[in-house]
Amino acid sequence: MNKRLSFVYTYYECLQKANRFNKNLVIRYKTTYPERKNYTEKWDFWDSHVSHIYLSNIASLYGKIDYNVVPTNIYYSYIEPTLNNIPFVTSLEDKSQLDWLYTQHAPMVLLRNIHGNFYINGDSVNNNQVDISGVLENVPKVVVKQAVESHGGRNIQVFERKGSVYYNKKGNSLTLDYLLSNFRSNFVVQEYVRQHPFFAQFNPSSLNTLRVMTYRSVVDNQIRVLNVTLRVGAPGSIVDNRKFGGYAIGVTPSGYLRDFGVNNKGGVAKVFNGVKLNELKRIVGIDDIEQVAIESAKVHYHASVLGFDMSYTDDNKVKIIEVNTWDLGIDNIQQANGALFHQYTDEVIEFCKKRV
């Protein structure tokens, strides 16, 4: 990855998003000159393009200054490609491999298309001989999604069985021709994950996942959970992404939801589907979820930061929905949880300084 080229693109895109977010905040924190100076001195060792908007946005949400808030453009242009060997780790995002990598914790894949070829149970199948009804074996509900290059919940469809045919919400039937015309290649047909009632209560139409960010310390090589964020979809949506109207809700280190969620337009909410965040008990399954994330991250030696999207099912099992190795959505994370690296910020800065 050419870090310099990515910087030019990332700086203006990130700044535009941050300014749009700032305009919609009900309360805006106005940084002082000394605060801006301190922030710049902490982060401008790579480049002078350090905007104070990131510092201000997080201070507006939390009511206090934290110089560890990472400028989004600095993270994507310099930090992420330094911590992760992008060409090596990108392949880990392939959803067609999830059940091969995380056997116990991945949704069951009923049919996969890899580079234009179909596979059932790992065995290749002649494309003209794929029997959709036979593959699904009367599973009541399935999800079809792109297996690669699918950040942001793009082109995810849910099909439910009615009689012997599967239909999505638009009335399209799940056939081989439909799959090939709408998804073309590199896609999977998975079992539908039924989430635990604790997570369904916020919005029952979407699979509300936890983004668990892990960090392999550049000092002691130990894996730690940096941040956990609950994503809640918009009413009626099948995905939980903020791009489609969802909210990000931070999780405290002790496993409780924070008392507010935020969308990508700067909107803040404290009640979801009639559920008041400040009245909830500890998140169901949070200890198991974090432990699975840590164990899963241990085998990815080329990545120091990973974003696991995880679900907890109605039968108390942890499922890894996908793994993100780049473009981890740090706006969501920092707006919901505060500074990205917390107490590990300075060690990350020192490590990256030596390698950029």
Protein backbone atom coordinates (compact mmCIF):
# COMPACT_ATOMS: atom_id res chain seq x y z
CA MET A 1 0.00 0.00 0.00
CA ASN A 2 1.28 3.44 -0.94
CA LYS A 3 0.81 5.33 2.31
CA ARG A 4 1.43 8.73 0.75
CA LEU A 5 -1.16 8.26 -1.98
CA SER A 6 -3.70 6.97 0.50
CA PHE A 7 -3.09 10.02 2.68
CA VAL A 8 -4.12 12.51 -0.02
CA TYR A 9 -7.40 10.68 -0.53
CA THR A 10 -8.05 9.93 3.12
CA TYR A 11 -7.40 13.39 4.55
CA TYR A 12 -10.17 15.17 2.67
CA GLU A 13 -12.67 12.33 2.89
CA CYS A 14 -12.20 11.98 6.67
CA LEU A 15 -12.33 15.73 7.23
CA GLN A 16 -15.57 16.01 5.29
CA LYS A 17 -17.21 13.28 7.37
CA ALA A 18 -15.95 14.78 10.64
CA ASN A 19 -17.26 18.25 9.77
CA ARG A 20 -20.65 16.84 8.77
CA PHE A 21 -20.80 14.97 12.07
CA ASN A 22 -19.85 18.11 14.01
CA LYS A 23 -22.58 20.24 12.43
CA ASN A 24 -25.30 17.95 13.75
CA LEU A 25 -24.06 17.67 17.34
CA VAL A 26 -26.44 19.22 19.84
CA ILE A 27 -23.56 20.29 22.11
CA ARG A 28 -20.24 21.29 20.55
CA TYR A 29 -17.04 21.53 22.52
CA LYS A 30 -14.95 24.53 21.47
CA THR A 31 -11.28 23.71 21.89
CA THR A 32 -8.88 26.33 23.20
CA TYR A 33 -5.60 27.29 21.58
CA PRO A 34 -3.50 25.41 24.18
CA GLU A 35 -5.65 22.30 23.68
CA ARG A 36 -5.25 22.47 19.91
CA LYS A 37 -1.52 23.04 20.26
CA ASN A 38 -1.09 20.03 22.53
CA TYR A 39 -3.10 17.87 20.15
CA THR A 40 -1.07 18.92 17.14
CA GLU A 41 2.22 18.31 18.93
CA LYS A 42 1.11 14.78 19.79
CA TRP A 43 0.05 13.78 16.28
CA ASP A 44 1.89 15.90 13.69
CA PHE A 45 5.13 13.93 13.67
CA TRP A 46 4.12 12.43 10.28
CA ASP A 47 2.51 15.38 8.65
CA SER A 48 1.23 18.84 9.49
CA HIS A 49 -2.30 17.91 8.38
CA VAL A 50 -3.80 17.36 11.83
CA SER A 51 -7.35 18.65 12.17
CA HIS A 52 -8.69 19.50 15.62
CA ILE A 53 -12.19 18.47 14.57
CA TYR A 54 -11.60 14.93 15.83
CA LEU A 55 -10.55 16.19 19.26
CA SER A 56 -13.58 18.50 19.37
CA ASN A 57 -16.08 15.86 18.27
CA ILE A 58 -15.12 13.36 20.95
CA ALA A 59 -14.93 16.09 23.60
CA SER A 60 -18.45 17.17 22.60
CA LEU A 61 -19.75 13.68 23.31
CA TYR A 62 -17.82 13.05 26.53
CA GLY A 63 -17.45 16.55 27.92
CA LYS A 64 -13.68 16.37 28.28
CA ILE A 65 -10.49 16.59 26.27
CA ASP A 66 -8.51 13.45 25.50
CA TYR A 67 -5.36 13.93 23.42
CA ASN A 68 -5.25 10.19 22.69
CA VAL A 69 -8.12 10.57 20.21
CA VAL A 70 -6.59 9.48 16.92
CA PRO A 71 -7.05 11.78 13.90
CA THR A 72 -8.93 9.55 11.47
CA ASN A 73 -6.79 10.44 8.46
CA ILE A 74 -3.58 9.76 10.41
CA TYR A 75 -4.88 6.35 11.41
CA TYR A 76 -5.83 5.24 7.90
CA SER A 77 -2.84 6.77 6.13
CA TYR A 78 -0.07 5.81 8.52
CA ILE A 79 -1.02 3.78 11.58
CA GLU A 80 -3.18 1.00 10.15
CA PRO A 81 -0.87 0.15 7.22
CA THR A 82 2.06 0.12 9.65
CA LEU A 83 0.43 -2.12 12.24
CA ASN A 84 -1.07 -4.50 9.66
CA ASN A 85 0.60 -6.07 6.65
CA ILE A 86 -2.33 -5.22 4.40
CA PRO A 87 -1.46 -7.44 1.39
CA PHE A 88 -1.14 -10.45 3.72
CA VAL A 89 -4.15 -9.95 5.96
CA THR A 90 -6.78 -8.84 3.46
CA SER A 91 -7.51 -12.45 2.53
CA LEU A 92 -8.66 -13.06 6.13
CA GLU A 93 -11.79 -11.03 5.34
CA ASP A 94 -13.02 -13.61 2.84
CA LYS A 95 -16.33 -14.80 4.33
CA SER A 96 -16.15 -18.03 2.35
CA GLN A 97 -13.28 -19.07 4.62
CA LEU A 98 -14.81 -18.11 7.97
CA ASP A 99 -15.96 -21.61 8.85
CA TRP A 100 -12.59 -23.03 7.82
CA LEU A 101 -10.72 -20.57 10.05
CA TYR A 102 -13.12 -20.51 13.01
CA THR A 103 -14.82 -23.89 12.87
CA GLN A 104 -16.76 -23.61 16.12
CA HIS A 105 -17.68 -19.96 15.87
CA ALA A 106 -18.66 -19.28 12.26
CA PRO A 107 -22.13 -19.44 10.75
CA MET A 108 -22.67 -22.60 8.73
CA VAL A 109 -21.97 -22.05 5.03
CA LEU A 110 -24.43 -23.95 2.84
CA LEU A 111 -23.06 -22.85 -0.51
CA ARG A 112 -20.01 -20.81 -1.45
CA ASN A 113 -18.81 -19.30 -4.69
CA ILE A 114 -15.07 -18.66 -4.83
CA HIS A 115 -13.63 -17.00 -7.90
CA GLY A 116 -16.61 -18.11 -9.97
CA ASN A 117 -16.63 -21.74 -8.82
CA PHE A 118 -19.23 -23.32 -6.53
CA TYR A 119 -18.35 -25.42 -3.50
CA ILE A 120 -20.51 -27.50 -1.17
CA ASN A 121 -18.89 -28.77 2.04
CA GLY A 122 -15.54 -27.80 0.58
CA ASP A 123 -16.02 -29.91 -2.56
CA SER A 124 -16.26 -28.28 -5.96
CA VAL A 125 -19.51 -28.63 -7.87
CA ASN A 126 -20.24 -28.15 -11.55
CA ASN A 127 -21.97 -24.78 -11.82
CA ASN A 128 -24.72 -26.26 -13.94
CA GLN A 129 -25.45 -28.94 -11.36
CA VAL A 130 -26.08 -26.78 -8.30
CA ASP A 131 -29.45 -27.71 -6.81
CA ILE A 132 -30.46 -24.81 -4.57
CA SER A 133 -33.32 -26.62 -2.85
CA GLY A 134 -31.11 -29.62 -2.20
CA VAL A 135 -28.30 -27.51 -0.80
CA LEU A 136 -30.52 -25.62 1.63
CA GLU A 137 -32.24 -28.78 2.89
CA ASN A 138 -35.33 -26.93 4.13
CA VAL A 139 -33.37 -24.53 6.34
CA PRO A 140 -36.03 -21.95 7.30
CA LYS A 141 -33.95 -18.81 6.69
CA VAL A 142 -30.65 -18.01 4.95
CA VAL A 143 -28.40 -15.02 4.31
CA VAL A 144 -26.64 -14.30 1.03
CA LYS A 145 -23.72 -11.88 1.02
CA GLN A 146 -20.62 -10.99 -0.93
CA ALA A 147 -17.60 -12.82 0.46
CA VAL A 148 -14.98 -10.19 -0.38
CA GLU A 149 -14.85 -6.39 -0.66
CA SER A 150 -18.12 -6.07 1.22
CA HIS A 151 -17.48 -3.45 3.92
CA GLY A 152 -20.44 -1.47 5.16
CA GLY A 153 -23.15 -4.13 4.88
CA ARG A 154 -23.37 -3.79 1.12
CA ASN A 155 -25.61 -6.23 -0.78
CA ILE A 156 -26.69 -8.48 2.09
CA GLN A 157 -29.98 -10.26 1.51
CA VAL A 158 -32.12 -12.48 3.73
CA PHE A 159 -34.29 -15.21 2.21
CA GLU A 160 -37.06 -17.01 4.06
CA ARG A 161 -38.64 -20.29 3.04
CA LYS A 162 -42.27 -20.21 2.03
CA GLY A 163 -43.34 -23.66 0.97
CA SER A 164 -40.47 -24.99 -1.11
CA VAL A 165 -39.20 -21.60 -2.33
CA TYR A 166 -37.04 -18.96 -0.61
CA TYR A 167 -37.98 -15.29 -1.00
CA ASN A 168 -36.33 -12.03 0.06
CA LYS A 169 -38.29 -8.98 1.24
CA LYS A 170 -38.64 -7.73 -2.34
CA GLY A 171 -40.27 -10.97 -3.42
CA ASN A 172 -37.31 -12.29 -5.39
CA SER A 173 -36.90 -16.06 -5.25
CA LEU A 174 -33.54 -17.64 -4.48
CA THR A 175 -32.46 -19.44 -7.63
CA LEU A 176 -29.14 -20.15 -9.26
CA ASP A 177 -29.85 -17.56 -11.94
CA TYR A 178 -30.68 -14.97 -9.27
CA LEU A 179 -27.43 -15.64 -7.43
CA LEU A 180 -25.31 -15.37 -10.54
CA SER A 181 -27.02 -12.23 -11.83
CA ASN A 182 -27.04 -10.36 -8.50
CA PHE A 183 -23.87 -11.57 -6.81
CA ARG A 184 -21.90 -12.87 -9.80
CA SER A 185 -18.97 -14.45 -7.98
CA ASN A 186 -17.33 -14.60 -4.54
CA PHE A 187 -20.42 -14.92 -2.38
CA VAL A 188 -21.78 -17.22 0.31
CA VAL A 189 -25.15 -18.61 1.31
CA GLN A 190 -25.12 -18.99 5.10
CA GLU A 191 -27.47 -20.11 7.80
CA TYR A 192 -29.39 -17.23 9.35
CA VAL A 193 -27.98 -16.39 12.79
CA ARG A 194 -30.70 -16.05 15.41
CA GLN A 195 -29.49 -13.53 17.94
CA HIS A 196 -30.03 -13.65 21.68
CA PRO A 197 -33.08 -11.67 22.92
CA PHE A 198 -30.74 -9.27 24.71
CA PHE A 199 -29.46 -8.01 21.36
CA ALA A 200 -32.73 -8.38 19.45
CA GLN A 201 -34.52 -6.04 21.87
CA PHE A 202 -32.85 -2.95 20.39
CA ASN A 203 -34.07 -3.67 16.85
CA PRO A 204 -35.45 -7.10 15.93
CA SER A 205 -35.13 -6.71 12.15
CA SER A 206 -31.32 -6.48 12.10
CA LEU A 207 -28.57 -8.73 13.39
CA ASN A 208 -27.11 -6.36 15.99
CA THR A 209 -23.45 -7.27 16.27
CA LEU A 210 -20.59 -6.33 18.53
CA ARG A 211 -17.50 -4.88 16.84
CA VAL A 212 -14.67 -6.20 18.99
CA MET A 213 -11.34 -4.53 18.24
CA THR A 214 -8.29 -6.49 19.31
CA TYR A 215 -4.74 -5.23 19.58
CA ARG A 216 -1.52 -7.23 19.48
CA SER A 217 0.79 -5.06 21.56
CA VAL A 218 3.88 -3.87 19.74
CA VAL A 219 5.69 -4.02 23.09
CA ASP A 220 4.88 -7.43 24.58
CA ASN A 221 3.08 -9.16 21.65
CA GLN A 222 0.06 -9.96 23.84
CA ILE A 223 -3.49 -9.78 22.45
CA ARG A 224 -5.89 -7.44 24.23
CA VAL A 225 -9.43 -6.23 23.59
CA LEU A 226 -9.19 -2.51 22.89
CA ASN A 227 -12.80 -1.57 22.30
CA VAL A 228 -16.21 -3.19 22.06
CA THR A 229 -19.04 -1.42 20.26
CA LEU A 230 -22.61 -2.58 19.78
CA ARG A 231 -24.07 -1.71 16.38
CA VAL A 232 -27.87 -1.43 16.22
CA GLY A 233 -29.66 -1.29 12.89
CA ALA A 234 -32.35 1.17 11.87
CA PRO A 235 -35.97 -0.02 12.26
CA GLY A 236 -36.83 -2.36 9.39
CA SER A 237 -33.21 -2.74 8.28
CA ILE A 238 -31.59 -6.18 8.12
CA VAL A 239 -28.09 -4.74 8.67
CA ASP A 240 -26.70 -2.85 11.65
CA ASN A 241 -24.35 -0.50 9.80
CA ARG A 242 -24.43 3.23 10.51
CA LYS A 243 -24.24 3.83 6.76
CA PHE A 244 -27.83 2.59 6.57
CA GLY A 245 -29.15 4.53 9.56
CA GLY A 246 -27.79 2.43 12.41
CA TYR A 247 -26.22 3.52 15.69
CA ALA A 248 -23.01 2.67 17.51
CA ILE A 249 -23.23 2.18 21.29
CA GLY A 250 -20.07 1.94 23.34
CA VAL A 251 -19.35 -0.84 25.82
CA THR A 252 -17.52 -0.10 29.06
CA PRO A 253 -14.50 -2.18 30.12
CA SER A 254 -16.74 -3.83 32.73
CA GLY A 255 -19.16 -5.06 30.06
CA TYR A 256 -22.07 -2.61 30.32
CA LEU A 257 -23.52 -0.50 27.52
CA ARG A 258 -22.87 3.22 27.74
CA ASP A 259 -25.94 5.38 28.17
CA PHE A 260 -26.01 6.74 24.61
CA GLY A 261 -25.57 5.66 21.00
CA VAL A 262 -24.50 7.82 18.08
CA ASN A 263 -25.15 7.70 14.34
CA ASN A 264 -22.86 8.91 11.59
CA LYS A 265 -24.67 12.25 11.32
CA GLY A 266 -23.98 13.27 14.90
CA GLY A 267 -27.35 12.18 16.23
CA VAL A 268 -27.38 10.86 19.79
CA ALA A 269 -30.01 8.48 21.23
CA LYS A 270 -30.48 6.96 24.67
CA VAL A 271 -33.55 4.83 23.97
CA PHE A 272 -33.84 2.13 21.31
CA ASN A 273 -37.12 0.39 20.57
CA GLY A 274 -38.36 1.53 23.98
CA VAL A 275 -35.25 0.18 25.74
CA LYS A 276 -33.42 2.68 27.96
CA LEU A 277 -29.68 2.03 27.81
CA ASN A 278 -29.03 3.24 31.35
CA GLU A 279 -31.42 0.65 32.79
CA LEU A 280 -29.78 -2.44 31.27
CA LYS A 281 -27.85 -5.16 33.05
CA ARG A 282 -24.43 -6.41 31.96
CA ILE A 283 -24.25 -7.55 28.33
CA VAL A 284 -25.17 -11.20 27.92
CA GLY A 285 -22.23 -13.37 26.84
CA ILE A 286 -19.69 -10.52 26.84
CA ASP A 287 -16.95 -12.52 28.57
CA ASP A 288 -17.23 -15.38 26.08
CA ILE A 289 -17.33 -12.97 23.16
CA GLU A 290 -14.14 -11.19 24.21
CA GLN A 291 -12.35 -14.47 24.90
CA VAL A 292 -13.23 -15.86 21.46
CA ALA A 293 -11.96 -12.63 19.87
CA ILE A 294 -8.64 -12.87 21.71
CA GLU A 295 -8.14 -16.54 20.84
CA SER A 296 -9.06 -15.92 17.20
CA ALA A 297 -6.68 -12.96 16.90
CA LYS A 298 -3.73 -15.01 18.15
CA VAL A 299 -3.37 -16.88 14.86
CA HIS A 300 -3.20 -13.70 12.77
CA TYR A 301 0.46 -12.83 13.11
CA HIS A 302 0.54 -10.21 10.36
CA ALA A 303 -2.14 -8.03 11.99
CA SER A 304 -1.79 -6.00 15.17
CA VAL A 305 -5.31 -4.57 14.96
CA LEU A 306 -8.42 -6.51 13.97
CA GLY A 307 -12.12 -5.78 14.07
CA PHE A 308 -14.30 -8.83 14.74
CA ASP A 309 -18.04 -8.51 14.10
CA MET A 310 -19.57 -10.95 16.55
CA SER A 311 -23.01 -12.17 17.54
CA TYR A 312 -24.37 -14.05 20.54
CA THR A 313 -27.08 -16.49 19.56
CA ASP A 314 -30.38 -17.45 21.13
CA ASP A 315 -28.76 -20.74 22.22
CA ASN A 316 -25.85 -18.94 23.94
CA LYS A 317 -23.14 -19.43 21.33
CA VAL A 318 -20.58 -16.96 20.01
CA LYS A 319 -20.56 -16.44 16.25
CA ILE A 320 -17.96 -14.54 14.22
CA ILE A 321 -19.88 -12.85 11.43
CA GLU A 322 -16.84 -11.30 9.76
CA VAL A 323 -13.29 -10.13 10.38
CA ASN A 324 -12.04 -6.69 9.37
CA THR A 325 -8.33 -6.21 8.75
CA TRP A 326 -8.36 -2.70 7.27
CA ASP A 327 -10.69 0.32 7.31
CA LEU A 328 -11.86 -0.66 10.79
CA GLY A 329 -14.41 2.13 11.12
CA ILE A 330 -12.61 4.05 13.85
CA ASP A 331 -15.07 6.96 13.68
CA ASN A 332 -17.73 4.59 14.98
CA ILE A 333 -15.43 3.25 17.66
CA GLN A 334 -14.07 6.55 18.96
CA GLN A 335 -17.43 8.30 18.92
CA ALA A 336 -18.94 5.41 20.88
CA ASN A 337 -16.01 4.63 23.18
CA GLY A 338 -13.52 7.49 23.20
CA ALA A 339 -9.83 7.29 22.27
CA LEU A 340 -9.01 4.27 20.10
CA PHE A 341 -5.86 2.93 21.75
CA HIS A 342 -6.46 4.27 25.27
CA GLN A 343 -3.40 3.58 27.44
CA TYR A 344 -1.55 1.99 24.51
CA THR A 345 -1.57 5.17 22.41
CA ASP A 346 2.00 6.24 23.11
CA GLU A 347 3.48 2.82 22.40
CA VAL A 348 1.67 2.73 19.06
CA ILE A 349 2.94 6.21 18.19
CA GLU A 350 6.53 5.34 19.06
CA PHE A 351 6.36 2.11 17.07
CA CYS A 352 4.92 3.78 13.98
CA LYS A 353 7.34 6.71 14.17
CA LYS A 354 10.24 4.34 13.60
CA ARG A 355 8.67 2.64 10.59
CA VAL A 356 7.02 5.37 8.54
